[in-house]
N, C-alpha and C. Protein backbone atom coordinates (compact mmCIF):
# COMPACT_ATOMS: atom_id res chain seq x y z
N MET A 1 21.11 -23.49 62.87
CA MET A 1 21.24 -22.59 61.71
C MET A 1 19.88 -22.36 61.04
N GLY A 2 19.10 -23.50 60.90
CA GLY A 2 17.79 -23.39 60.28
C GLY A 2 16.85 -22.56 61.11
N LYS A 3 16.92 -22.72 62.44
CA LYS A 3 16.06 -21.95 63.34
C LYS A 3 16.39 -20.47 63.27
N TYR A 4 17.68 -20.18 63.11
CA TYR A 4 18.13 -18.78 63.02
C TYR A 4 17.56 -18.11 61.78
N LEU A 5 17.62 -18.82 60.62
CA LEU A 5 17.09 -18.27 59.38
C LEU A 5 15.58 -18.06 59.46
N GLU A 6 14.88 -19.01 60.11
CA GLU A 6 13.43 -18.89 60.26
C GLU A 6 13.07 -17.67 61.07
N ASN A 7 13.81 -17.45 62.19
CA ASN A 7 13.55 -16.29 63.03
C ASN A 7 13.87 -14.99 62.29
N LEU A 8 14.92 -15.05 61.45
CA LEU A 8 15.33 -13.86 60.70
C LEU A 8 14.26 -13.45 59.71
N ILE A 9 13.64 -14.46 59.08
CA ILE A 9 12.60 -14.19 58.09
C ILE A 9 11.34 -13.66 58.76
N LYS A 10 10.98 -14.29 59.90
CA LYS A 10 9.76 -13.89 60.59
C LYS A 10 9.86 -12.52 61.23
N LYS A 11 11.06 -12.12 61.59
CA LYS A 11 11.25 -10.83 62.25
C LYS A 11 10.92 -9.70 61.27
N ASN A 12 10.01 -8.83 61.66
CA ASN A 12 9.58 -7.69 60.81
C ASN A 12 9.13 -8.17 59.43
N PHE A 13 8.39 -9.29 59.37
CA PHE A 13 7.99 -9.90 58.09
C PHE A 13 7.18 -8.93 57.22
N TRP A 14 6.17 -8.31 57.82
CA TRP A 14 5.29 -7.42 57.05
C TRP A 14 6.02 -6.19 56.55
N LEU A 15 6.95 -5.71 57.34
CA LEU A 15 7.75 -4.56 56.91
C LEU A 15 8.61 -4.93 55.72
N LYS A 16 9.20 -6.12 55.79
CA LYS A 16 10.04 -6.57 54.68
C LYS A 16 9.20 -6.80 53.42
N LEU A 17 8.00 -7.39 53.60
CA LEU A 17 7.13 -7.62 52.44
C LEU A 17 6.71 -6.31 51.81
N PHE A 18 6.34 -5.35 52.64
CA PHE A 18 5.96 -4.03 52.12
C PHE A 18 7.13 -3.39 51.37
N SER A 19 8.32 -3.51 51.91
CA SER A 19 9.51 -2.94 51.27
C SER A 19 9.75 -3.57 49.91
N LEU A 20 9.53 -4.90 49.83
CA LEU A 20 9.73 -5.61 48.57
C LEU A 20 8.72 -5.14 47.53
N ILE A 21 7.44 -5.05 47.95
CA ILE A 21 6.39 -4.60 47.01
C ILE A 21 6.67 -3.18 46.55
N PHE A 22 7.06 -2.32 47.48
CA PHE A 22 7.36 -0.93 47.15
C PHE A 22 8.52 -0.85 46.16
N ALA A 23 9.53 -1.68 46.35
CA ALA A 23 10.69 -1.71 45.44
C ALA A 23 10.28 -2.15 44.04
N VAL A 24 9.37 -3.14 43.98
CA VAL A 24 8.89 -3.61 42.66
C VAL A 24 8.12 -2.51 41.96
N ILE A 25 7.29 -1.76 42.73
CA ILE A 25 6.52 -0.66 42.13
C ILE A 25 7.46 0.42 41.60
N ILE A 26 8.46 0.77 42.37
CA ILE A 26 9.43 1.78 41.93
C ILE A 26 10.16 1.30 40.69
N TRP A 27 10.55 0.04 40.65
CA TRP A 27 11.25 -0.53 39.47
C TRP A 27 10.35 -0.47 38.24
N ALA A 28 9.08 -0.85 38.42
CA ALA A 28 8.14 -0.84 37.29
C ALA A 28 7.94 0.56 36.77
N TYR A 29 7.90 1.54 37.69
CA TYR A 29 7.73 2.93 37.25
C TYR A 29 8.94 3.41 36.47
N VAL A 30 10.12 3.09 36.99
CA VAL A 30 11.36 3.53 36.33
C VAL A 30 11.48 2.90 34.95
N VAL A 31 11.19 1.58 34.87
CA VAL A 31 11.35 0.88 33.60
C VAL A 31 10.22 1.21 32.63
N GLY A 32 8.97 1.16 33.13
CA GLY A 32 7.83 1.31 32.23
C GLY A 32 7.20 2.68 32.22
N GLY A 33 7.41 3.47 33.24
CA GLY A 33 6.73 4.74 33.33
C GLY A 33 7.47 5.89 32.68
N THR A 34 8.73 5.77 32.50
CA THR A 34 9.51 6.85 31.88
C THR A 34 9.12 7.02 30.42
N LYS A 35 8.85 8.24 30.02
CA LYS A 35 8.47 8.53 28.63
C LYS A 35 9.67 8.39 27.71
N ARG A 36 9.41 7.82 26.54
CA ARG A 36 10.46 7.72 25.53
C ARG A 36 9.82 7.82 24.15
N ASP A 37 10.64 8.12 23.15
CA ASP A 37 10.16 8.25 21.77
C ASP A 37 10.49 6.99 20.99
N ALA A 38 9.61 6.65 20.05
CA ALA A 38 9.83 5.49 19.19
C ALA A 38 9.29 5.81 17.80
N VAL A 39 9.94 5.25 16.79
CA VAL A 39 9.58 5.50 15.38
C VAL A 39 8.88 4.26 14.83
N TYR A 40 7.76 4.48 14.14
CA TYR A 40 6.98 3.38 13.56
C TYR A 40 6.62 3.72 12.11
N THR A 41 6.20 2.69 11.37
CA THR A 41 5.68 2.87 10.02
C THR A 41 4.23 2.42 10.01
N ALA A 42 3.35 3.28 9.51
CA ALA A 42 1.91 2.98 9.49
C ALA A 42 1.41 2.87 8.05
N GLY A 43 0.28 2.19 7.91
CA GLY A 43 -0.38 2.12 6.61
C GLY A 43 -1.55 3.08 6.55
N LEU A 44 -2.18 3.16 5.37
CA LEU A 44 -3.32 4.05 5.16
C LEU A 44 -4.38 3.29 4.38
N VAL A 45 -5.60 3.24 4.94
CA VAL A 45 -6.69 2.49 4.31
C VAL A 45 -7.92 3.38 4.21
N ILE A 46 -8.55 3.39 3.02
CA ILE A 46 -9.84 4.04 2.85
C ILE A 46 -10.88 2.93 2.94
N GLU A 47 -11.66 2.91 4.00
CA GLU A 47 -12.63 1.83 4.20
C GLU A 47 -14.06 2.34 4.07
N HIS A 48 -14.96 1.39 3.81
CA HIS A 48 -16.40 1.68 3.68
C HIS A 48 -16.68 2.68 2.57
N LEU A 49 -15.93 2.59 1.48
CA LEU A 49 -16.19 3.47 0.33
C LEU A 49 -17.46 2.97 -0.36
N PRO A 50 -18.41 3.86 -0.69
CA PRO A 50 -19.66 3.42 -1.31
C PRO A 50 -19.42 2.64 -2.61
N LYS A 51 -20.28 1.69 -2.87
CA LYS A 51 -20.17 0.86 -4.07
C LYS A 51 -20.24 1.72 -5.33
N GLY A 52 -19.35 1.42 -6.29
CA GLY A 52 -19.31 2.18 -7.53
C GLY A 52 -18.35 3.34 -7.51
N TYR A 53 -17.62 3.52 -6.39
CA TYR A 53 -16.63 4.59 -6.27
C TYR A 53 -15.25 3.98 -5.99
N ALA A 54 -14.22 4.75 -6.34
CA ALA A 54 -12.84 4.29 -6.09
C ALA A 54 -11.94 5.51 -5.91
N VAL A 55 -10.82 5.26 -5.28
CA VAL A 55 -9.78 6.31 -5.15
C VAL A 55 -9.04 6.38 -6.49
N SER A 56 -8.91 7.58 -7.05
CA SER A 56 -8.29 7.71 -8.36
C SER A 56 -6.90 8.36 -8.33
N ASN A 57 -6.34 8.53 -7.15
CA ASN A 57 -4.95 9.00 -7.07
C ASN A 57 -4.16 8.01 -6.20
N THR A 58 -2.86 8.05 -6.32
CA THR A 58 -2.00 7.13 -5.59
C THR A 58 -1.80 7.63 -4.17
N LEU A 59 -2.11 6.79 -3.21
CA LEU A 59 -1.94 7.13 -1.80
C LEU A 59 -0.56 6.67 -1.32
N PRO A 60 -0.01 7.35 -0.33
CA PRO A 60 1.29 6.92 0.20
C PRO A 60 1.21 5.50 0.78
N VAL A 61 2.20 4.68 0.47
CA VAL A 61 2.22 3.31 0.96
C VAL A 61 2.61 3.27 2.43
N LYS A 62 3.51 4.16 2.82
CA LYS A 62 4.00 4.18 4.20
C LYS A 62 3.84 5.57 4.81
N ILE A 63 3.35 5.60 6.03
CA ILE A 63 3.27 6.83 6.83
C ILE A 63 4.26 6.67 7.98
N HIS A 64 5.18 7.62 8.11
CA HIS A 64 6.20 7.54 9.15
C HIS A 64 5.71 8.27 10.40
N LEU A 65 5.78 7.56 11.54
CA LEU A 65 5.27 8.10 12.80
C LEU A 65 6.37 8.16 13.85
N LYS A 66 6.32 9.23 14.65
CA LYS A 66 7.14 9.31 15.85
C LYS A 66 6.18 9.44 17.02
N LEU A 67 6.21 8.45 17.92
CA LEU A 67 5.30 8.41 19.05
C LEU A 67 6.06 8.55 20.36
N ARG A 68 5.37 9.08 21.36
CA ARG A 68 5.96 9.23 22.69
C ARG A 68 5.04 8.59 23.73
N GLY A 69 5.63 7.79 24.59
CA GLY A 69 4.86 7.14 25.64
C GLY A 69 5.76 6.29 26.52
N SER A 70 5.17 5.70 27.53
CA SER A 70 5.95 4.82 28.40
C SER A 70 6.29 3.54 27.66
N ARG A 71 7.27 2.85 28.17
CA ARG A 71 7.69 1.59 27.54
C ARG A 71 6.55 0.59 27.53
N ILE A 72 5.79 0.55 28.63
CA ILE A 72 4.66 -0.38 28.72
C ILE A 72 3.58 -0.02 27.71
N ALA A 73 3.26 1.28 27.58
CA ALA A 73 2.23 1.72 26.64
C ALA A 73 2.63 1.43 25.20
N LEU A 74 3.90 1.67 24.88
CA LEU A 74 4.36 1.42 23.52
C LEU A 74 4.37 -0.08 23.20
N MET A 75 4.58 -0.91 24.21
CA MET A 75 4.55 -2.35 23.99
C MET A 75 3.14 -2.85 23.66
N LYS A 76 2.12 -2.07 24.05
CA LYS A 76 0.73 -2.47 23.79
C LYS A 76 0.31 -2.21 22.34
N LEU A 77 1.13 -1.47 21.61
CA LEU A 77 0.79 -1.15 20.22
C LEU A 77 0.76 -2.41 19.38
N ASN A 78 -0.19 -2.45 18.45
CA ASN A 78 -0.19 -3.53 17.47
C ASN A 78 1.02 -3.39 16.58
N LYS A 79 1.49 -4.52 16.06
CA LYS A 79 2.65 -4.47 15.17
C LYS A 79 2.33 -3.69 13.90
N LYS A 80 1.06 -3.74 13.46
CA LYS A 80 0.66 -3.04 12.25
C LYS A 80 -0.24 -1.87 12.62
N ILE A 81 0.26 -0.66 12.45
CA ILE A 81 -0.52 0.55 12.75
C ILE A 81 -1.12 1.05 11.44
N ILE A 82 -2.42 1.31 11.43
CA ILE A 82 -3.10 1.71 10.19
C ILE A 82 -3.98 2.93 10.46
N PHE A 83 -3.82 3.95 9.62
CA PHE A 83 -4.75 5.08 9.59
C PHE A 83 -5.99 4.62 8.81
N LYS A 84 -7.15 4.68 9.44
CA LYS A 84 -8.39 4.24 8.79
C LYS A 84 -9.29 5.45 8.52
N ILE A 85 -9.57 5.67 7.23
CA ILE A 85 -10.38 6.82 6.81
C ILE A 85 -11.74 6.30 6.32
N ASN A 86 -12.81 6.88 6.81
CA ASN A 86 -14.16 6.48 6.40
C ASN A 86 -14.46 7.05 5.01
N GLY A 87 -14.68 6.15 4.05
CA GLY A 87 -14.90 6.57 2.67
C GLY A 87 -16.15 7.39 2.46
N TYR A 88 -17.16 7.21 3.31
CA TYR A 88 -18.41 7.97 3.15
C TYR A 88 -18.21 9.47 3.36
N SER A 89 -17.14 9.83 4.02
CA SER A 89 -16.87 11.25 4.26
C SER A 89 -16.07 11.88 3.13
N LEU A 90 -15.77 11.10 2.08
CA LEU A 90 -14.88 11.59 1.02
C LEU A 90 -15.58 11.79 -0.32
N LEU A 91 -16.89 11.84 -0.34
CA LEU A 91 -17.61 11.92 -1.61
C LEU A 91 -17.59 13.31 -2.22
N ALA A 92 -16.85 14.23 -1.64
CA ALA A 92 -16.69 15.56 -2.23
C ALA A 92 -15.74 15.52 -3.43
N LYS A 93 -15.25 14.32 -3.78
CA LYS A 93 -14.36 14.04 -4.92
C LYS A 93 -12.92 14.44 -4.62
N LYS A 94 -12.68 15.70 -4.27
CA LYS A 94 -11.31 16.13 -3.96
C LYS A 94 -11.23 16.48 -2.48
N ASN A 95 -10.40 15.76 -1.77
CA ASN A 95 -10.31 15.93 -0.32
C ASN A 95 -8.86 16.10 0.10
N THR A 96 -8.66 16.86 1.15
CA THR A 96 -7.34 16.98 1.76
C THR A 96 -7.46 16.50 3.20
N ILE A 97 -6.82 15.39 3.50
CA ILE A 97 -6.92 14.79 4.83
C ILE A 97 -5.68 15.15 5.64
N ILE A 98 -5.89 15.66 6.82
CA ILE A 98 -4.80 15.94 7.75
C ILE A 98 -4.77 14.79 8.76
N LEU A 99 -3.78 13.96 8.66
CA LEU A 99 -3.71 12.78 9.51
C LEU A 99 -3.44 13.16 10.96
N GLY A 100 -4.09 12.44 11.85
CA GLY A 100 -3.92 12.69 13.28
C GLY A 100 -4.42 11.51 14.08
N SER A 101 -4.47 11.67 15.39
CA SER A 101 -4.85 10.58 16.28
C SER A 101 -6.31 10.14 16.08
N ALA A 102 -7.13 11.01 15.48
CA ALA A 102 -8.54 10.65 15.26
C ALA A 102 -8.68 9.45 14.33
N TYR A 103 -7.68 9.23 13.48
CA TYR A 103 -7.73 8.12 12.52
C TYR A 103 -6.97 6.89 13.02
N LEU A 104 -6.47 6.94 14.24
CA LEU A 104 -5.72 5.82 14.82
C LEU A 104 -6.37 5.38 16.12
N ASN A 105 -6.23 4.11 16.42
CA ASN A 105 -6.71 3.58 17.69
C ASN A 105 -5.51 3.31 18.58
N LEU A 106 -4.99 4.37 19.21
CA LEU A 106 -3.79 4.26 20.02
C LEU A 106 -4.15 4.02 21.48
N PRO A 107 -3.35 3.21 22.19
CA PRO A 107 -3.58 3.02 23.63
C PRO A 107 -3.42 4.33 24.39
N ASN A 108 -4.03 4.41 25.55
CA ASN A 108 -3.91 5.60 26.40
C ASN A 108 -2.45 5.82 26.79
N GLY A 109 -2.08 7.08 26.86
CA GLY A 109 -0.72 7.41 27.30
C GLY A 109 0.28 7.54 26.17
N ILE A 110 -0.18 7.40 24.91
CA ILE A 110 0.73 7.55 23.76
C ILE A 110 0.36 8.82 23.01
N LYS A 111 1.36 9.62 22.73
CA LYS A 111 1.17 10.89 22.06
C LYS A 111 1.91 10.88 20.72
N ILE A 112 1.25 11.44 19.69
CA ILE A 112 1.89 11.55 18.38
C ILE A 112 2.78 12.79 18.36
N ILE A 113 4.05 12.61 18.06
CA ILE A 113 4.99 13.72 17.99
C ILE A 113 5.15 14.21 16.55
N LYS A 114 5.19 13.28 15.61
CA LYS A 114 5.41 13.68 14.22
C LYS A 114 4.75 12.66 13.29
N ILE A 115 4.16 13.16 12.19
CA ILE A 115 3.60 12.33 11.13
C ILE A 115 4.15 12.82 9.79
N ARG A 116 4.65 11.90 8.99
CA ARG A 116 5.18 12.30 7.68
C ARG A 116 4.83 11.26 6.63
N PRO A 117 4.06 11.61 5.56
CA PRO A 117 3.44 12.93 5.34
C PRO A 117 2.19 13.09 6.21
N ARG A 118 1.92 14.29 6.58
CA ARG A 118 0.75 14.56 7.44
C ARG A 118 -0.48 14.91 6.61
N ILE A 119 -0.25 15.61 5.47
CA ILE A 119 -1.35 16.02 4.60
C ILE A 119 -1.40 15.08 3.40
N VAL A 120 -2.56 14.44 3.19
CA VAL A 120 -2.71 13.45 2.11
C VAL A 120 -3.91 13.85 1.25
N PRO A 121 -3.69 14.15 -0.04
CA PRO A 121 -4.83 14.40 -0.93
C PRO A 121 -5.48 13.09 -1.34
N VAL A 122 -6.80 13.07 -1.38
CA VAL A 122 -7.54 11.88 -1.80
C VAL A 122 -8.60 12.31 -2.80
N ILE A 123 -8.57 11.70 -3.99
CA ILE A 123 -9.55 12.01 -5.04
C ILE A 123 -10.45 10.80 -5.23
N ILE A 124 -11.75 11.03 -5.12
CA ILE A 124 -12.74 9.97 -5.26
C ILE A 124 -13.44 10.12 -6.61
N SER A 125 -13.60 9.00 -7.31
CA SER A 125 -14.21 9.05 -8.64
C SER A 125 -15.12 7.83 -8.83
N ARG A 126 -16.12 7.98 -9.68
CA ARG A 126 -16.98 6.85 -10.02
C ARG A 126 -16.20 5.84 -10.86
N ILE A 127 -16.53 4.57 -10.71
CA ILE A 127 -15.91 3.52 -11.51
C ILE A 127 -16.69 3.36 -12.81
N ILE A 128 -15.96 3.35 -13.94
CA ILE A 128 -16.61 3.17 -15.24
C ILE A 128 -15.87 2.10 -16.04
N THR A 129 -16.50 1.60 -17.09
CA THR A 129 -15.86 0.67 -18.02
C THR A 129 -15.79 1.33 -19.39
N LYS A 130 -14.82 0.91 -20.18
CA LYS A 130 -14.61 1.54 -21.49
C LYS A 130 -13.78 0.62 -22.37
N TYR A 131 -14.05 0.61 -23.68
CA TYR A 131 -13.21 -0.10 -24.63
C TYR A 131 -12.05 0.79 -25.06
N VAL A 132 -10.85 0.24 -25.02
CA VAL A 132 -9.65 1.01 -25.34
C VAL A 132 -8.85 0.24 -26.40
N LYS A 133 -8.29 0.97 -27.36
CA LYS A 133 -7.54 0.36 -28.45
C LYS A 133 -6.22 -0.23 -27.95
N VAL A 134 -5.82 -1.36 -28.56
CA VAL A 134 -4.56 -2.01 -28.22
C VAL A 134 -3.47 -1.54 -29.18
N LEU A 135 -2.34 -1.13 -28.62
CA LEU A 135 -1.21 -0.66 -29.43
C LEU A 135 0.00 -1.58 -29.19
N PRO A 136 0.44 -2.31 -30.24
CA PRO A 136 1.63 -3.15 -30.06
C PRO A 136 2.90 -2.31 -29.97
N VAL A 137 3.80 -2.68 -29.08
CA VAL A 137 5.05 -1.96 -28.89
C VAL A 137 6.20 -2.89 -29.27
N THR A 138 7.09 -2.40 -30.13
CA THR A 138 8.21 -3.22 -30.60
C THR A 138 9.54 -2.61 -30.19
N VAL A 139 10.54 -3.48 -30.10
CA VAL A 139 11.92 -3.05 -29.86
C VAL A 139 12.81 -3.80 -30.84
N GLY A 140 14.03 -3.29 -31.03
CA GLY A 140 14.96 -3.94 -31.94
C GLY A 140 14.60 -3.68 -33.39
N ALA A 141 15.22 -4.44 -34.30
CA ALA A 141 15.00 -4.27 -35.75
C ALA A 141 15.03 -5.63 -36.43
N LEU A 142 14.27 -5.73 -37.51
CA LEU A 142 14.27 -6.97 -38.28
C LEU A 142 15.66 -7.24 -38.84
N PRO A 143 15.97 -8.52 -39.12
CA PRO A 143 17.27 -8.84 -39.75
C PRO A 143 17.45 -8.10 -41.06
N ASN A 144 18.70 -7.91 -41.46
CA ASN A 144 19.00 -7.22 -42.73
C ASN A 144 18.27 -7.88 -43.88
N GLY A 145 17.71 -7.06 -44.75
CA GLY A 145 17.02 -7.56 -45.93
C GLY A 145 15.53 -7.75 -45.73
N TYR A 146 15.02 -7.50 -44.53
CA TYR A 146 13.59 -7.66 -44.26
C TYR A 146 12.97 -6.33 -43.82
N ILE A 147 11.71 -6.17 -44.20
CA ILE A 147 10.96 -5.00 -43.77
C ILE A 147 9.63 -5.48 -43.18
N LEU A 148 9.08 -4.67 -42.28
CA LEU A 148 7.81 -4.99 -41.65
C LEU A 148 6.67 -4.54 -42.57
N LYS A 149 5.92 -5.50 -43.07
CA LYS A 149 4.84 -5.18 -43.99
C LYS A 149 3.58 -4.78 -43.22
N SER A 150 3.24 -5.55 -42.19
CA SER A 150 2.04 -5.22 -41.41
C SER A 150 2.12 -5.88 -40.04
N MET A 151 1.32 -5.34 -39.14
CA MET A 151 1.24 -5.91 -37.80
C MET A 151 -0.21 -5.79 -37.34
N GLY A 152 -0.88 -6.93 -37.31
CA GLY A 152 -2.29 -6.94 -36.91
C GLY A 152 -2.45 -7.42 -35.47
N VAL A 153 -3.45 -6.86 -34.81
CA VAL A 153 -3.70 -7.20 -33.41
C VAL A 153 -5.14 -7.70 -33.27
N PHE A 154 -5.30 -8.77 -32.52
CA PHE A 154 -6.65 -9.28 -32.23
C PHE A 154 -6.71 -9.71 -30.77
N PRO A 155 -7.69 -9.21 -30.02
CA PRO A 155 -8.67 -8.19 -30.41
C PRO A 155 -8.02 -6.81 -30.49
N GLN A 156 -8.63 -5.96 -31.30
CA GLN A 156 -8.08 -4.61 -31.46
C GLN A 156 -8.43 -3.71 -30.28
N TYR A 157 -9.51 -4.04 -29.57
CA TYR A 157 -9.94 -3.25 -28.42
C TYR A 157 -10.16 -4.18 -27.23
N VAL A 158 -9.85 -3.69 -26.06
CA VAL A 158 -10.12 -4.44 -24.83
C VAL A 158 -10.89 -3.55 -23.87
N MET A 159 -11.63 -4.20 -22.97
CA MET A 159 -12.43 -3.45 -22.00
C MET A 159 -11.62 -3.25 -20.72
N VAL A 160 -11.66 -2.04 -20.20
CA VAL A 160 -10.98 -1.73 -18.94
C VAL A 160 -11.99 -1.15 -17.95
N ARG A 161 -11.65 -1.26 -16.68
CA ARG A 161 -12.50 -0.70 -15.63
C ARG A 161 -11.63 0.03 -14.64
N GLY A 162 -12.11 1.21 -14.21
CA GLY A 162 -11.35 1.98 -13.25
C GLY A 162 -12.01 3.32 -12.97
N PRO A 163 -11.36 4.17 -12.16
CA PRO A 163 -11.92 5.49 -11.84
C PRO A 163 -12.08 6.34 -13.10
N ARG A 164 -13.19 7.06 -13.19
CA ARG A 164 -13.47 7.88 -14.38
C ARG A 164 -12.34 8.87 -14.67
N ASP A 165 -11.77 9.48 -13.62
CA ASP A 165 -10.71 10.47 -13.81
C ASP A 165 -9.54 9.92 -14.61
N ILE A 166 -9.31 8.60 -14.51
CA ILE A 166 -8.19 7.99 -15.21
C ILE A 166 -8.65 7.38 -16.54
N VAL A 167 -9.73 6.62 -16.49
CA VAL A 167 -10.19 5.88 -17.68
C VAL A 167 -10.60 6.83 -18.81
N ASP A 168 -11.22 7.95 -18.47
CA ASP A 168 -11.64 8.90 -19.51
C ASP A 168 -10.46 9.41 -20.34
N HIS A 169 -9.26 9.45 -19.74
CA HIS A 169 -8.09 9.96 -20.45
C HIS A 169 -7.21 8.84 -21.02
N LEU A 170 -7.69 7.62 -20.91
CA LEU A 170 -6.92 6.48 -21.41
C LEU A 170 -7.30 6.22 -22.86
N SER A 171 -6.33 6.41 -23.78
CA SER A 171 -6.63 6.24 -25.21
C SER A 171 -6.16 4.91 -25.77
N VAL A 172 -5.08 4.35 -25.21
CA VAL A 172 -4.57 3.05 -25.70
C VAL A 172 -4.09 2.20 -24.54
N ILE A 173 -4.09 0.89 -24.77
CA ILE A 173 -3.44 -0.08 -23.89
C ILE A 173 -2.30 -0.68 -24.69
N THR A 174 -1.10 -0.64 -24.16
CA THR A 174 0.06 -1.15 -24.91
C THR A 174 0.36 -2.60 -24.54
N THR A 175 0.99 -3.29 -25.49
CA THR A 175 1.45 -4.65 -25.22
C THR A 175 2.82 -4.60 -24.55
N MET A 176 3.24 -5.73 -24.02
CA MET A 176 4.62 -5.85 -23.59
C MET A 176 5.50 -5.74 -24.84
N LYS A 177 6.78 -5.42 -24.66
CA LYS A 177 7.65 -5.18 -25.82
C LYS A 177 7.86 -6.44 -26.64
N ILE A 178 7.71 -6.28 -27.97
CA ILE A 178 7.91 -7.37 -28.91
C ILE A 178 9.28 -7.17 -29.58
N ASN A 179 10.18 -8.13 -29.40
CA ASN A 179 11.53 -8.02 -29.95
C ASN A 179 11.54 -8.50 -31.40
N LEU A 180 11.93 -7.59 -32.31
CA LEU A 180 11.95 -7.91 -33.75
C LEU A 180 13.29 -8.46 -34.22
N ASP A 181 14.29 -8.53 -33.36
CA ASP A 181 15.65 -8.86 -33.79
C ASP A 181 15.75 -10.18 -34.55
N ASN A 182 15.01 -11.20 -34.12
CA ASN A 182 15.17 -12.53 -34.71
C ASN A 182 13.97 -12.97 -35.54
N ILE A 183 13.15 -12.00 -35.95
CA ILE A 183 11.97 -12.34 -36.75
C ILE A 183 12.31 -12.17 -38.23
N GLY A 184 12.49 -13.31 -38.93
CA GLY A 184 12.81 -13.27 -40.35
C GLY A 184 11.73 -13.89 -41.20
N LYS A 185 10.57 -14.16 -40.59
CA LYS A 185 9.44 -14.71 -41.34
C LYS A 185 8.15 -14.29 -40.64
N ASN A 186 7.03 -14.55 -41.30
CA ASN A 186 5.74 -14.20 -40.71
C ASN A 186 5.55 -14.96 -39.40
N LYS A 187 4.97 -14.28 -38.43
CA LYS A 187 4.85 -14.90 -37.12
C LYS A 187 3.57 -14.46 -36.43
N LEU A 188 2.95 -15.42 -35.70
CA LEU A 188 1.79 -15.11 -34.87
C LEU A 188 2.20 -15.29 -33.42
N LEU A 189 2.14 -14.19 -32.66
CA LEU A 189 2.58 -14.21 -31.28
C LEU A 189 1.42 -13.92 -30.35
N THR A 190 1.48 -14.52 -29.17
CA THR A 190 0.55 -14.18 -28.10
C THR A 190 1.31 -13.32 -27.10
N VAL A 191 0.83 -12.09 -26.93
CA VAL A 191 1.58 -11.11 -26.14
C VAL A 191 0.70 -10.59 -25.00
N SER A 192 1.30 -10.46 -23.83
CA SER A 192 0.58 -9.93 -22.67
C SER A 192 0.41 -8.42 -22.81
N LEU A 193 -0.67 -7.92 -22.21
CA LEU A 193 -0.91 -6.48 -22.19
C LEU A 193 -0.26 -5.87 -20.95
N ARG A 194 0.16 -4.62 -21.09
CA ARG A 194 0.76 -3.90 -19.97
C ARG A 194 -0.34 -3.13 -19.25
N LYS A 195 -0.46 -3.38 -17.95
CA LYS A 195 -1.47 -2.69 -17.16
C LYS A 195 -1.09 -1.22 -17.04
N PRO A 196 -2.00 -0.29 -17.40
CA PRO A 196 -1.63 1.14 -17.41
C PRO A 196 -1.30 1.70 -16.03
N THR A 197 -2.12 1.37 -15.02
CA THR A 197 -1.86 1.79 -13.64
C THR A 197 -2.44 0.71 -12.72
N LYS A 198 -2.07 0.78 -11.44
CA LYS A 198 -2.61 -0.17 -10.47
C LYS A 198 -4.10 0.04 -10.24
N LEU A 199 -4.60 1.21 -10.60
CA LEU A 199 -5.99 1.54 -10.33
C LEU A 199 -6.93 1.15 -11.45
N VAL A 200 -6.38 0.70 -12.58
CA VAL A 200 -7.19 0.31 -13.74
C VAL A 200 -7.05 -1.19 -13.96
N LYS A 201 -8.17 -1.87 -14.15
CA LYS A 201 -8.18 -3.31 -14.38
C LYS A 201 -8.55 -3.62 -15.81
N ILE A 202 -7.78 -4.50 -16.45
CA ILE A 202 -8.10 -4.96 -17.80
C ILE A 202 -9.03 -6.16 -17.67
N LEU A 203 -10.20 -6.09 -18.28
CA LEU A 203 -11.19 -7.15 -18.16
C LEU A 203 -11.06 -8.16 -19.30
N TYR A 204 -11.27 -9.41 -18.98
CA TYR A 204 -11.40 -10.50 -19.95
C TYR A 204 -10.09 -10.81 -20.67
N ASN A 205 -9.59 -9.89 -21.51
CA ASN A 205 -8.41 -10.16 -22.33
C ASN A 205 -7.15 -9.62 -21.66
N LYS A 206 -6.35 -10.53 -21.10
CA LYS A 206 -5.06 -10.13 -20.52
C LYS A 206 -3.94 -10.26 -21.54
N LYS A 207 -4.23 -11.00 -22.66
CA LYS A 207 -3.27 -11.20 -23.73
C LYS A 207 -3.97 -11.00 -25.07
N VAL A 208 -3.19 -10.65 -26.08
CA VAL A 208 -3.72 -10.47 -27.43
C VAL A 208 -2.84 -11.23 -28.42
N ASN A 209 -3.39 -11.52 -29.60
CA ASN A 209 -2.61 -12.14 -30.68
C ASN A 209 -2.08 -11.05 -31.60
N VAL A 210 -0.80 -11.11 -31.87
CA VAL A 210 -0.16 -10.14 -32.77
C VAL A 210 0.36 -10.89 -33.99
N ASN A 211 -0.17 -10.55 -35.16
CA ASN A 211 0.20 -11.20 -36.42
C ASN A 211 1.22 -10.32 -37.14
N ILE A 212 2.46 -10.77 -37.21
CA ILE A 212 3.53 -9.98 -37.82
C ILE A 212 3.81 -10.52 -39.22
N THR A 213 3.71 -9.63 -40.21
CA THR A 213 3.98 -10.02 -41.61
C THR A 213 5.22 -9.26 -42.07
N VAL A 214 6.21 -10.00 -42.56
CA VAL A 214 7.46 -9.38 -43.05
C VAL A 214 7.69 -9.80 -44.49
N GLU A 215 8.53 -9.05 -45.21
CA GLU A 215 8.89 -9.42 -46.57
C GLU A 215 10.30 -8.91 -46.85
N ARG A 216 10.93 -9.56 -47.87
CA ARG A 216 12.28 -9.12 -48.24
C ARG A 216 12.19 -7.80 -48.97
N ARG A 217 13.27 -7.06 -48.88
CA ARG A 217 13.30 -5.77 -49.57
C ARG A 217 13.23 -5.99 -51.07
């Protein structure tokens, strides 16, 4: 029986080996070579922006992509796909970027079918610092029989840093909401400041002291 199997294997050995290799190649082509579509989510990064400049508008957090390619080519994609824009090309202040394959490092054999959003406005502005007045924000009402005599804030002004397009139009920085419902006597509170936007940074003072003075009617 063993001799029979040995002779069976040796008979036309090279033909059988070639047939096996050919079958594997056909299988690989069918599985990996057939084009298919896949949906991905990409990020957007402005890199190499010159010192002293910043993006002053909100960029989309997610870019939706539809790609077409073989199964093998799509498997080569990094898990995190990022559109990378060179900041030195954006110093015209107001730019309209049309996203495409030029901003992606895609493996060969992958084609972009759809990008959403495809057109992204980018506004570049110089970074400046400025002192801005602090405005306390209250909610609720004092207990019956009490009135608010005064509300002092220290420091009255805080320094902020951010794109000129935003900071120039920033007139006040507000505090987190101060609840007056249970305040029946003079009180000194430490209150956090509310960040106006993600693009503006409050320097040094993240909290202020609010001195609340009340009196009976």
